């Protein structure tokens, strides 16, 4: 019974650990949001450059060569900003993908461990159920025997005392066997 409770506590610990992993995912989401904000700033910068380009086209109609030169410069700046934006986006996806796969892998391992512990608890509970059934059978036998005793049987006080003593010894032996089984099970788990 204590092992079952310990198993449940370990499952609770695993769930707590999974909860911390979810918090890490939320932190990653915040990081993603920050990068998206930076992307928005880069897009805003690109839009400003585009607006400057349009403004130059309208305001400098008189000098076509100067305008073409300015357009060329703005185009180069635009291409630079666009490359920066694309690189930033690629880095974001790479970092995010790596982090998600790490968290998912760790969470899967923790989940598998929790399932194994839960299975062990179920096995132990089954074994405990079998032992309880045996104990109930023994108690039923004892109750059957006790119901058949008559007043005349009380004259055998010595025999009754001896039987009681043997029953106590039997119960103690059963308890010792149960304790040994628990110790053996704990030792097996520790060796795994």
N, C-alpha and C. Protein backbone atom coordinates (compact mmCIF):
# COMPACT_ATOMS: atom_id res chain seq x y z
N UNK A 1 0.83 -1.18 0.00
CA UNK A 1 0.00 0.00 0.00
C UNK A 1 0.88 1.25 0.00
N UNK A 2 1.95 1.21 0.79
CA UNK A 2 2.88 2.36 0.86
C UNK A 2 3.59 2.52 -0.48
N UNK A 3 3.94 1.40 -1.10
CA UNK A 3 4.60 1.47 -2.41
C UNK A 3 3.68 2.11 -3.44
N UNK A 4 2.39 1.79 -3.35
CA UNK A 4 1.42 2.38 -4.26
C UNK A 4 1.37 3.89 -4.08
N UNK A 5 1.35 4.33 -2.83
CA UNK A 5 1.34 5.77 -2.54
C UNK A 5 2.62 6.41 -3.04
N UNK A 6 3.75 5.73 -2.83
CA UNK A 6 5.03 6.27 -3.34
C UNK A 6 4.98 6.40 -4.86
N UNK A 7 4.43 5.39 -5.52
CA UNK A 7 4.31 5.42 -6.97
C UNK A 7 3.47 6.60 -7.43
N UNK A 8 2.35 6.82 -6.72
CA UNK A 8 1.50 7.96 -7.07
C UNK A 8 2.23 9.28 -6.86
N UNK A 9 3.03 9.36 -5.79
CA UNK A 9 3.81 10.58 -5.54
C UNK A 9 4.83 10.80 -6.65
N UNK A 10 5.42 9.71 -7.14
CA UNK A 10 6.38 9.85 -8.24
C UNK A 10 5.68 10.31 -9.51
N UNK A 11 4.46 9.81 -9.74
CA UNK A 11 3.69 10.25 -10.91
C UNK A 11 3.37 11.73 -10.77
N UNK A 12 3.03 12.15 -9.53
CA UNK A 12 2.75 13.58 -9.31
C UNK A 12 3.99 14.41 -9.59
N UNK A 13 5.15 13.90 -9.16
CA UNK A 13 6.40 14.62 -9.42
C UNK A 13 6.65 14.75 -10.92
N UNK A 14 6.35 13.69 -11.67
CA UNK A 14 6.53 13.72 -13.12
C UNK A 14 5.59 14.73 -13.76
N UNK A 15 4.36 14.80 -13.24
CA UNK A 15 3.41 15.77 -13.78
C UNK A 15 3.89 17.18 -13.49
N UNK A 16 4.45 17.41 -12.29
CA UNK A 16 5.01 18.72 -11.96
C UNK A 16 6.14 19.07 -12.91
N UNK A 17 6.94 18.07 -13.22
CA UNK A 17 8.06 18.30 -14.15
C UNK A 17 7.54 18.66 -15.54
N UNK A 18 6.48 17.96 -15.97
CA UNK A 18 5.88 18.29 -17.27
C UNK A 18 5.31 19.70 -17.26
N UNK A 19 4.77 20.11 -16.11
CA UNK A 19 4.24 21.46 -16.00
C UNK A 19 5.35 22.49 -16.18
N UNK A 20 6.54 22.21 -15.61
CA UNK A 20 7.67 23.14 -15.79
C UNK A 20 8.09 23.20 -17.25
N UNK A 21 7.97 22.07 -17.94
CA UNK A 21 8.30 22.05 -19.37
C UNK A 21 7.31 22.91 -20.16
N UNK A 22 6.06 22.90 -19.75
CA UNK A 22 5.07 23.75 -20.40
C UNK A 22 5.41 25.23 -20.19
N UNK A 23 5.91 25.55 -19.00
CA UNK A 23 6.34 26.93 -18.75
C UNK A 23 7.49 27.32 -19.67
N UNK A 24 8.39 26.37 -19.90
CA UNK A 24 9.49 26.64 -20.83
C UNK A 24 8.95 26.92 -22.23
N UNK A 25 7.92 26.19 -22.64
CA UNK A 25 7.32 26.44 -23.95
C UNK A 25 6.70 27.83 -24.00
N UNK A 26 6.10 28.26 -22.87
CA UNK A 26 5.54 29.61 -22.83
C UNK A 26 6.64 30.66 -22.97
N UNK A 27 7.81 30.39 -22.35
CA UNK A 27 8.94 31.30 -22.50
C UNK A 27 9.39 31.35 -23.96
N UNK A 28 9.37 30.21 -24.61
CA UNK A 28 9.74 30.17 -26.02
C UNK A 28 8.73 30.98 -26.84
N UNK A 29 7.47 30.93 -26.45
CA UNK A 29 6.45 31.69 -27.14
C UNK A 29 6.73 33.19 -26.98
N UNK A 30 7.16 33.60 -25.79
CA UNK A 30 7.52 35.01 -25.57
C UNK A 30 8.68 35.41 -26.46
N UNK A 31 9.68 34.52 -26.56
CA UNK A 31 10.83 34.78 -27.42
C UNK A 31 10.37 34.92 -28.86
N UNK A 32 9.48 34.08 -29.28
CA UNK A 32 8.93 34.13 -30.63
C UNK A 32 8.22 35.46 -30.86
N UNK A 33 7.48 35.91 -29.84
CA UNK A 33 6.77 37.18 -29.95
C UNK A 33 7.75 38.34 -30.10
N UNK A 34 8.85 38.30 -29.32
CA UNK A 34 9.86 39.35 -29.42
C UNK A 34 10.48 39.38 -30.82
N UNK A 35 10.76 38.21 -31.34
CA UNK A 35 11.36 38.15 -32.69
C UNK A 35 10.37 38.65 -33.72
N UNK A 36 9.09 38.32 -33.55
CA UNK A 36 8.08 38.82 -34.48
C UNK A 36 7.97 40.34 -34.40
N UNK A 37 8.14 40.88 -33.18
CA UNK A 37 8.13 42.34 -33.05
C UNK A 37 9.32 42.95 -33.78
N UNK A 38 10.49 42.29 -33.66
CA UNK A 38 11.65 42.77 -34.39
C UNK A 38 11.41 42.68 -35.90
N UNK A 39 10.77 41.61 -36.31
CA UNK A 39 10.43 41.47 -37.73
C UNK A 39 9.50 42.60 -38.16
N UNK A 40 8.56 42.94 -37.30
CA UNK A 40 7.63 44.03 -37.62
C UNK A 40 8.39 45.35 -37.76
N UNK A 41 9.39 45.55 -36.89
CA UNK A 41 10.20 46.77 -37.00
C UNK A 41 10.97 46.78 -38.31
N UNK A 42 11.48 45.61 -38.69
CA UNK A 42 12.21 45.53 -39.96
C UNK A 42 11.28 45.81 -41.12
N UNK A 43 10.07 45.28 -41.06
CA UNK A 43 9.09 45.54 -42.11
C UNK A 43 8.74 47.02 -42.14
N UNK A 44 8.60 47.61 -40.96
CA UNK A 44 8.31 49.05 -40.88
C UNK A 44 9.43 49.84 -41.54
N UNK A 45 10.68 49.43 -41.28
CA UNK A 45 11.83 50.08 -41.89
C UNK A 45 11.77 49.94 -43.41
N UNK A 46 11.41 48.77 -43.87
CA UNK A 46 11.30 48.53 -45.32
C UNK A 46 10.19 49.41 -45.90
N UNK A 47 9.08 49.50 -45.17
CA UNK A 47 7.98 50.36 -45.65
C UNK A 47 8.41 51.82 -45.70
N UNK A 48 9.18 52.26 -44.71
CA UNK A 48 9.66 53.64 -44.72
C UNK A 48 10.58 53.88 -45.92
N UNK A 49 11.44 52.92 -46.18
CA UNK A 49 12.32 53.05 -47.35
C UNK A 49 11.50 53.09 -48.63
N UNK A 50 10.46 52.26 -48.69
CA UNK A 50 9.60 52.26 -49.86
C UNK A 50 8.88 53.60 -50.00
N UNK A 51 8.42 54.13 -48.88
CA UNK A 51 7.77 55.45 -48.90
C UNK A 51 8.74 56.54 -49.36
N UNK A 52 9.99 56.45 -48.87
CA UNK A 52 10.99 57.41 -49.32
C UNK A 52 11.20 57.31 -50.82
N UNK A 53 11.21 56.09 -51.30
CA UNK A 53 11.40 55.86 -52.73
C UNK A 53 10.28 56.52 -53.53
N UNK A 54 9.06 56.33 -53.06
CA UNK A 54 7.92 56.97 -53.75
C UNK A 54 7.99 58.49 -53.65
N UNK A 55 8.39 58.97 -52.45
CA UNK A 55 8.49 60.42 -52.26
C UNK A 55 9.55 61.01 -53.19
N UNK A 56 10.66 60.31 -53.33
CA UNK A 56 11.71 60.77 -54.23
C UNK A 56 11.24 60.81 -55.68
N UNK A 57 10.48 59.80 -56.06
CA UNK A 57 9.99 59.77 -57.43
C UNK A 57 9.08 60.94 -57.72
N UNK A 58 8.27 61.34 -56.76
CA UNK A 58 7.34 62.45 -56.97
C UNK A 58 8.04 63.82 -56.88
N UNK A 59 8.96 63.95 -55.91
CA UNK A 59 9.53 65.29 -55.66
C UNK A 59 10.67 65.65 -56.58
N UNK A 60 11.36 64.69 -57.14
CA UNK A 60 12.54 65.00 -57.94
C UNK A 60 12.35 64.63 -59.40
N UNK A 61 11.32 65.08 -59.98
CA UNK A 61 11.07 64.78 -61.37
C UNK A 61 12.04 65.54 -62.29
N UNK A 62 12.60 66.62 -61.77
CA UNK A 62 13.46 67.45 -62.62
C UNK A 62 14.80 66.78 -62.91
N UNK A 63 15.38 66.11 -61.91
CA UNK A 63 16.69 65.51 -62.16
C UNK A 63 16.57 64.00 -62.20
N UNK A 64 16.44 63.48 -63.37
CA UNK A 64 16.22 62.06 -63.58
C UNK A 64 17.46 61.26 -63.17
N UNK A 65 18.64 61.74 -63.43
CA UNK A 65 19.85 61.01 -63.07
C UNK A 65 20.01 60.92 -61.55
N UNK A 66 19.80 62.06 -60.87
CA UNK A 66 19.90 62.03 -59.40
C UNK A 66 18.86 61.08 -58.80
N UNK A 67 17.70 61.14 -59.38
CA UNK A 67 16.63 60.27 -58.90
C UNK A 67 16.97 58.80 -59.13
N UNK A 68 17.50 58.50 -60.28
CA UNK A 68 17.86 57.11 -60.58
C UNK A 68 18.95 56.62 -59.63
N UNK A 69 19.89 57.51 -59.33
CA UNK A 69 20.96 57.15 -58.40
C UNK A 69 20.39 56.90 -57.00
N UNK A 70 19.51 57.78 -56.57
CA UNK A 70 18.89 57.63 -55.25
C UNK A 70 18.03 56.36 -55.20
N UNK A 71 17.33 56.11 -56.29
CA UNK A 71 16.52 54.88 -56.35
C UNK A 71 17.41 53.65 -56.25
N UNK A 72 18.54 53.71 -56.92
CA UNK A 72 19.48 52.58 -56.87
C UNK A 72 19.98 52.36 -55.45
N UNK A 73 20.32 53.45 -54.76
CA UNK A 73 20.77 53.34 -53.37
C UNK A 73 19.66 52.76 -52.48
N UNK A 74 18.45 53.30 -52.67
CA UNK A 74 17.33 52.82 -51.87
C UNK A 74 17.03 51.35 -52.17
N UNK A 75 17.16 50.97 -53.42
CA UNK A 75 16.93 49.58 -53.79
C UNK A 75 17.96 48.67 -53.09
N UNK A 76 19.22 49.13 -53.06
CA UNK A 76 20.26 48.35 -52.39
C UNK A 76 19.97 48.25 -50.89
N UNK A 77 19.56 49.37 -50.29
CA UNK A 77 19.21 49.35 -48.86
C UNK A 77 18.03 48.42 -48.62
N UNK A 78 17.07 48.51 -49.54
CA UNK A 78 15.89 47.66 -49.43
C UNK A 78 16.29 46.18 -49.50
N UNK A 79 17.16 45.85 -50.44
CA UNK A 79 17.61 44.46 -50.59
C UNK A 79 18.37 44.01 -49.34
N UNK A 80 19.20 44.93 -48.79
CA UNK A 80 19.94 44.61 -47.55
C UNK A 80 18.97 44.30 -46.41
N UNK A 81 18.00 45.18 -46.23
CA UNK A 81 17.02 45.00 -45.15
C UNK A 81 16.22 43.72 -45.36
N UNK A 82 15.89 43.45 -46.60
CA UNK A 82 15.14 42.25 -46.90
C UNK A 82 15.96 41.00 -46.59
N UNK A 83 17.25 41.02 -46.91
CA UNK A 83 18.13 39.89 -46.59
C UNK A 83 18.25 39.72 -45.08
N UNK A 84 18.39 40.85 -44.35
CA UNK A 84 18.46 40.78 -42.89
C UNK A 84 17.18 40.17 -42.32
N UNK A 85 16.08 40.62 -42.86
CA UNK A 85 14.79 40.11 -42.42
C UNK A 85 14.69 38.61 -42.67
N UNK A 86 15.07 38.17 -43.85
CA UNK A 86 15.00 36.75 -44.18
C UNK A 86 15.94 35.93 -43.29
N UNK A 87 17.14 36.44 -43.03
CA UNK A 87 18.10 35.74 -42.16
C UNK A 87 17.56 35.65 -40.73
N UNK A 88 16.99 36.75 -40.26
CA UNK A 88 16.41 36.76 -38.92
C UNK A 88 15.27 35.75 -38.82
N UNK A 89 14.46 35.69 -39.84
CA UNK A 89 13.35 34.75 -39.86
C UNK A 89 13.87 33.30 -39.88
N UNK A 90 14.89 33.03 -40.69
CA UNK A 90 15.46 31.68 -40.76
C UNK A 90 16.04 31.28 -39.41
N UNK A 91 16.77 32.20 -38.75
CA UNK A 91 17.34 31.91 -37.43
C UNK A 91 16.24 31.63 -36.41
N UNK A 92 15.18 32.40 -36.48
CA UNK A 92 14.05 32.20 -35.57
C UNK A 92 13.49 30.80 -35.73
N UNK A 93 13.22 30.40 -36.95
CA UNK A 93 12.65 29.07 -37.19
C UNK A 93 13.61 27.96 -36.76
N UNK A 94 14.90 28.16 -37.01
CA UNK A 94 15.88 27.15 -36.60
C UNK A 94 15.90 27.00 -35.08
N UNK A 95 16.01 28.12 -34.36
CA UNK A 95 16.07 28.09 -32.91
C UNK A 95 14.78 27.53 -32.31
N UNK A 96 13.68 27.98 -32.85
CA UNK A 96 12.39 27.52 -32.35
C UNK A 96 12.20 26.03 -32.59
N UNK A 97 12.57 25.56 -33.77
CA UNK A 97 12.46 24.13 -34.09
C UNK A 97 13.32 23.28 -33.18
N UNK A 98 14.57 23.72 -32.95
CA UNK A 98 15.47 22.96 -32.08
C UNK A 98 14.91 22.90 -30.66
N UNK A 99 14.44 24.02 -30.16
CA UNK A 99 13.95 24.08 -28.78
C UNK A 99 12.69 23.22 -28.62
N UNK A 100 11.81 23.29 -29.59
CA UNK A 100 10.57 22.50 -29.51
C UNK A 100 10.89 21.02 -29.53
N UNK A 101 11.83 20.61 -30.40
CA UNK A 101 12.17 19.19 -30.46
C UNK A 101 12.84 18.74 -29.17
N UNK A 102 13.66 19.57 -28.55
CA UNK A 102 14.29 19.21 -27.27
C UNK A 102 13.24 19.03 -26.18
N UNK A 103 12.32 19.99 -26.10
CA UNK A 103 11.29 19.93 -25.07
C UNK A 103 10.37 18.73 -25.30
N UNK A 104 10.02 18.49 -26.57
CA UNK A 104 9.13 17.36 -26.88
C UNK A 104 9.81 16.04 -26.54
N UNK A 105 11.09 15.92 -26.86
CA UNK A 105 11.82 14.68 -26.57
C UNK A 105 11.89 14.43 -25.07
N UNK A 106 12.22 15.48 -24.32
CA UNK A 106 12.32 15.34 -22.86
C UNK A 106 10.95 15.00 -22.26
N UNK A 107 9.91 15.67 -22.74
CA UNK A 107 8.57 15.42 -22.23
C UNK A 107 8.13 13.99 -22.53
N UNK A 108 8.48 13.49 -23.72
CA UNK A 108 8.13 12.12 -24.07
C UNK A 108 8.83 11.13 -23.13
N UNK A 109 10.10 11.39 -22.83
CA UNK A 109 10.83 10.50 -21.91
C UNK A 109 10.17 10.52 -20.53
N UNK A 110 9.83 11.71 -20.04
CA UNK A 110 9.20 11.82 -18.73
C UNK A 110 7.85 11.11 -18.72
N UNK A 111 7.12 11.23 -19.81
CA UNK A 111 5.82 10.57 -19.91
C UNK A 111 5.98 9.06 -19.88
N UNK A 112 6.96 8.54 -20.62
CA UNK A 112 7.23 7.11 -20.61
C UNK A 112 7.59 6.62 -19.21
N UNK A 113 8.42 7.39 -18.51
CA UNK A 113 8.79 7.01 -17.14
C UNK A 113 7.56 7.00 -16.23
N UNK A 114 6.70 7.98 -16.40
CA UNK A 114 5.49 8.04 -15.57
C UNK A 114 4.59 6.85 -15.85
N UNK A 115 4.47 6.47 -17.12
CA UNK A 115 3.64 5.32 -17.49
C UNK A 115 4.21 4.04 -16.88
N UNK A 116 5.55 3.89 -16.95
CA UNK A 116 6.18 2.71 -16.36
C UNK A 116 5.91 2.63 -14.86
N UNK A 117 6.05 3.76 -14.17
CA UNK A 117 5.80 3.79 -12.74
C UNK A 117 4.35 3.45 -12.42
N UNK A 118 3.45 3.96 -13.25
CA UNK A 118 2.03 3.68 -13.05
C UNK A 118 1.74 2.19 -13.26
N UNK A 119 2.37 1.59 -14.26
CA UNK A 119 2.19 0.15 -14.49
C UNK A 119 2.70 -0.65 -13.29
N UNK A 120 3.86 -0.26 -12.77
CA UNK A 120 4.40 -0.97 -11.61
C UNK A 120 3.44 -0.86 -10.42
N UNK A 121 2.87 0.34 -10.23
CA UNK A 121 1.91 0.52 -9.13
C UNK A 121 0.69 -0.38 -9.33
N UNK A 122 0.23 -0.50 -10.57
CA UNK A 122 -0.93 -1.35 -10.85
C UNK A 122 -0.59 -2.81 -10.57
N UNK A 123 0.62 -3.25 -10.97
CA UNK A 123 1.04 -4.62 -10.69
C UNK A 123 1.09 -4.87 -9.19
N UNK A 124 1.65 -3.93 -8.46
CA UNK A 124 1.75 -4.08 -7.01
C UNK A 124 0.36 -4.09 -6.37
N UNK A 125 -0.53 -3.28 -6.90
CA UNK A 125 -1.90 -3.25 -6.37
C UNK A 125 -2.59 -4.59 -6.63
N UNK A 126 -2.34 -5.19 -7.80
CA UNK A 126 -2.90 -6.51 -8.09
C UNK A 126 -2.39 -7.56 -7.13
N UNK A 127 -1.07 -7.53 -6.89
CA UNK A 127 -0.48 -8.48 -5.95
C UNK A 127 -1.06 -8.28 -4.55
N UNK A 128 -1.21 -7.02 -4.17
CA UNK A 128 -1.78 -6.71 -2.86
C UNK A 128 -3.22 -7.22 -2.77
N UNK A 129 -3.97 -7.10 -3.86
CA UNK A 129 -5.34 -7.58 -3.89
C UNK A 129 -5.40 -9.09 -3.69
N UNK A 130 -4.46 -9.80 -4.33
CA UNK A 130 -4.40 -11.27 -4.17
C UNK A 130 -4.12 -11.62 -2.71
N UNK A 131 -3.18 -10.92 -2.09
CA UNK A 131 -2.84 -11.20 -0.70
C UNK A 131 -4.01 -10.89 0.23
N UNK A 132 -4.74 -9.83 -0.06
CA UNK A 132 -5.92 -9.49 0.76
C UNK A 132 -6.98 -10.59 0.62
N UNK A 133 -7.13 -11.09 -0.61
CA UNK A 133 -8.11 -12.17 -0.82
C UNK A 133 -7.73 -13.40 -0.01
N UNK A 134 -6.44 -13.74 0.00
CA UNK A 134 -5.98 -14.88 0.78
C UNK A 134 -6.26 -14.67 2.28
N UNK A 135 -5.98 -13.45 2.73
CA UNK A 135 -6.21 -13.14 4.15
C UNK A 135 -7.70 -13.26 4.48
N UNK A 136 -8.57 -12.81 3.55
CA UNK A 136 -10.01 -12.92 3.78
C UNK A 136 -10.44 -14.38 3.86
N UNK A 137 -9.85 -15.21 3.00
CA UNK A 137 -10.17 -16.64 3.04
C UNK A 137 -9.79 -17.24 4.39
N UNK A 138 -8.60 -16.87 4.85
CA UNK A 138 -8.14 -17.38 6.14
C UNK A 138 -9.06 -16.93 7.27
N UNK A 139 -9.47 -15.66 7.21
CA UNK A 139 -10.38 -15.13 8.24
C UNK A 139 -11.72 -15.85 8.18
N UNK A 140 -12.19 -16.12 6.94
CA UNK A 140 -13.47 -16.83 6.79
C UNK A 140 -13.36 -18.23 7.38
N UNK A 141 -12.24 -18.92 7.14
CA UNK A 141 -12.04 -20.24 7.72
C UNK A 141 -12.06 -20.17 9.25
N UNK A 142 -11.37 -19.15 9.74
CA UNK A 142 -11.31 -18.98 11.19
C UNK A 142 -12.71 -18.71 11.76
N UNK A 143 -13.49 -17.85 11.09
CA UNK A 143 -14.85 -17.54 11.54
C UNK A 143 -15.74 -18.78 11.49
N UNK A 144 -15.56 -19.60 10.45
CA UNK A 144 -16.34 -20.84 10.34
C UNK A 144 -16.02 -21.76 11.50
N UNK A 145 -14.74 -21.89 11.77
CA UNK A 145 -14.33 -22.74 12.88
C UNK A 145 -14.84 -22.19 14.21
N UNK A 146 -14.79 -20.87 14.35
CA UNK A 146 -15.22 -20.25 15.61
C UNK A 146 -16.72 -20.42 15.82
N UNK A 147 -17.52 -20.40 14.73
CA UNK A 147 -18.97 -20.53 14.87
C UNK A 147 -19.38 -21.95 15.29
N UNK A 148 -18.52 -22.93 15.03
CA UNK A 148 -18.82 -24.32 15.37
C UNK A 148 -18.43 -24.68 16.80
N UNK A 149 -17.78 -23.80 17.47
CA UNK A 149 -17.35 -24.08 18.85
C UNK A 149 -18.56 -23.99 19.78
N UNK A 150 -18.69 -24.99 20.66
CA UNK A 150 -19.78 -25.02 21.65
C UNK A 150 -19.20 -24.78 23.03
N UNK A 151 -20.07 -24.59 23.98
CA UNK A 151 -19.61 -24.34 25.34
C UNK A 151 -18.80 -25.49 25.88
N UNK A 152 -19.15 -26.66 25.46
CA UNK A 152 -18.44 -27.84 25.95
C UNK A 152 -16.99 -27.82 25.46
N UNK A 153 -16.77 -27.17 24.32
CA UNK A 153 -15.41 -27.11 23.76
C UNK A 153 -14.50 -26.20 24.58
N UNK A 154 -15.08 -25.35 25.40
CA UNK A 154 -14.27 -24.44 26.20
C UNK A 154 -13.52 -25.16 27.31
N UNK A 155 -13.88 -26.39 27.55
CA UNK A 155 -13.18 -27.17 28.56
C UNK A 155 -11.75 -27.45 28.10
N UNK A 156 -11.55 -27.38 26.83
CA UNK A 156 -10.21 -27.61 26.28
C UNK A 156 -9.45 -26.29 26.21
N UNK A 157 -9.32 -25.63 27.30
CA UNK A 157 -8.68 -24.31 27.34
C UNK A 157 -7.24 -24.38 26.86
N UNK A 158 -6.56 -25.39 27.24
CA UNK A 158 -5.14 -25.51 26.85
C UNK A 158 -5.02 -25.66 25.34
N UNK A 159 -5.87 -26.50 24.78
CA UNK A 159 -5.84 -26.72 23.32
C UNK A 159 -6.20 -25.43 22.60
N UNK A 160 -7.19 -24.71 23.15
CA UNK A 160 -7.61 -23.45 22.53
C UNK A 160 -6.48 -22.42 22.60
N UNK A 161 -5.79 -22.38 23.73
CA UNK A 161 -4.67 -21.44 23.86
C UNK A 161 -3.57 -21.77 22.86
N UNK A 162 -3.35 -23.08 22.73
CA UNK A 162 -2.32 -23.51 21.79
C UNK A 162 -2.70 -23.11 20.36
N UNK A 163 -3.96 -23.32 20.02
CA UNK A 163 -4.44 -22.92 18.68
C UNK A 163 -4.31 -21.42 18.47
N UNK A 164 -4.65 -20.64 19.45
CA UNK A 164 -4.55 -19.18 19.34
C UNK A 164 -3.09 -18.78 19.14
N UNK A 165 -2.23 -19.42 19.89
CA UNK A 165 -0.80 -19.14 19.77
C UNK A 165 -0.31 -19.46 18.36
N UNK A 166 -0.77 -20.62 17.86
CA UNK A 166 -0.36 -21.01 16.51
C UNK A 166 -0.93 -20.03 15.46
N UNK A 167 -2.17 -19.57 15.66
CA UNK A 167 -2.75 -18.59 14.74
C UNK A 167 -1.96 -17.29 14.75
N UNK A 168 -1.57 -16.87 15.95
CA UNK A 168 -0.76 -15.65 16.05
C UNK A 168 0.56 -15.83 15.33
N UNK A 169 1.16 -16.99 15.52
CA UNK A 169 2.43 -17.27 14.83
C UNK A 169 2.21 -17.26 13.32
N UNK A 170 1.10 -17.85 12.90
CA UNK A 170 0.80 -17.89 11.47
C UNK A 170 0.63 -16.47 10.91
N UNK A 171 -0.09 -15.64 11.63
CA UNK A 171 -0.30 -14.25 11.19
C UNK A 171 1.03 -13.51 11.15
N UNK A 172 1.85 -13.72 12.18
CA UNK A 172 3.17 -13.08 12.19
C UNK A 172 4.01 -13.53 11.01
N UNK A 173 3.94 -14.85 10.73
CA UNK A 173 4.69 -15.37 9.58
C UNK A 173 4.17 -14.77 8.27
N UNK A 174 2.85 -14.65 8.15
CA UNK A 174 2.27 -14.03 6.94
C UNK A 174 2.75 -12.60 6.82
N UNK A 175 2.75 -11.86 7.93
CA UNK A 175 3.23 -10.47 7.90
C UNK A 175 4.70 -10.41 7.50
N UNK A 176 5.48 -11.35 8.05
CA UNK A 176 6.91 -11.38 7.70
C UNK A 176 7.10 -11.70 6.22
N UNK A 177 6.29 -12.64 5.72
CA UNK A 177 6.35 -12.98 4.30
C UNK A 177 6.02 -11.75 3.46
N UNK A 178 4.97 -11.02 3.85
CA UNK A 178 4.59 -9.80 3.12
C UNK A 178 5.71 -8.78 3.15
N UNK A 179 6.33 -8.62 4.31
CA UNK A 179 7.45 -7.67 4.44
C UNK A 179 8.60 -8.09 3.54
N UNK A 180 8.90 -9.39 3.54
CA UNK A 180 9.98 -9.89 2.68
C UNK A 180 9.66 -9.66 1.20
N UNK A 181 8.40 -9.90 0.83
CA UNK A 181 7.99 -9.66 -0.56
C UNK A 181 8.20 -8.20 -0.94
N UNK A 182 7.83 -7.30 -0.04
CA UNK A 182 8.00 -5.87 -0.31
C UNK A 182 9.48 -5.51 -0.44
N UNK A 183 10.28 -6.08 0.44
CA UNK A 183 11.74 -5.80 0.38
C UNK A 183 12.32 -6.32 -0.92
N UNK A 184 11.90 -7.55 -1.32
CA UNK A 184 12.40 -8.13 -2.57
C UNK A 184 11.96 -7.28 -3.76
N UNK A 185 10.69 -6.85 -3.75
CA UNK A 185 10.19 -6.00 -4.85
C UNK A 185 10.96 -4.69 -4.91
N UNK A 186 11.20 -4.10 -3.74
CA UNK A 186 11.96 -2.83 -3.71
C UNK A 186 13.37 -3.04 -4.22
N UNK A 187 13.96 -4.16 -3.84
CA UNK A 187 15.34 -4.46 -4.29
C UNK A 187 15.37 -4.65 -5.81
N UNK A 188 14.37 -5.36 -6.33
CA UNK A 188 14.31 -5.56 -7.79
C UNK A 188 14.16 -4.23 -8.51
N UNK A 189 13.29 -3.37 -7.98
CA UNK A 189 13.13 -2.05 -8.62
C UNK A 189 14.42 -1.25 -8.57
N UNK A 190 15.11 -1.33 -7.46
CA UNK A 190 16.34 -0.56 -7.32
C UNK A 190 17.40 -1.08 -8.28
N UNK A 191 17.42 -2.38 -8.53
CA UNK A 191 18.42 -2.96 -9.44
C UNK A 191 18.13 -2.60 -10.90
N UNK A 192 16.87 -2.38 -11.22
CA UNK A 192 16.51 -2.01 -12.59
C UNK A 192 17.02 -0.64 -12.86
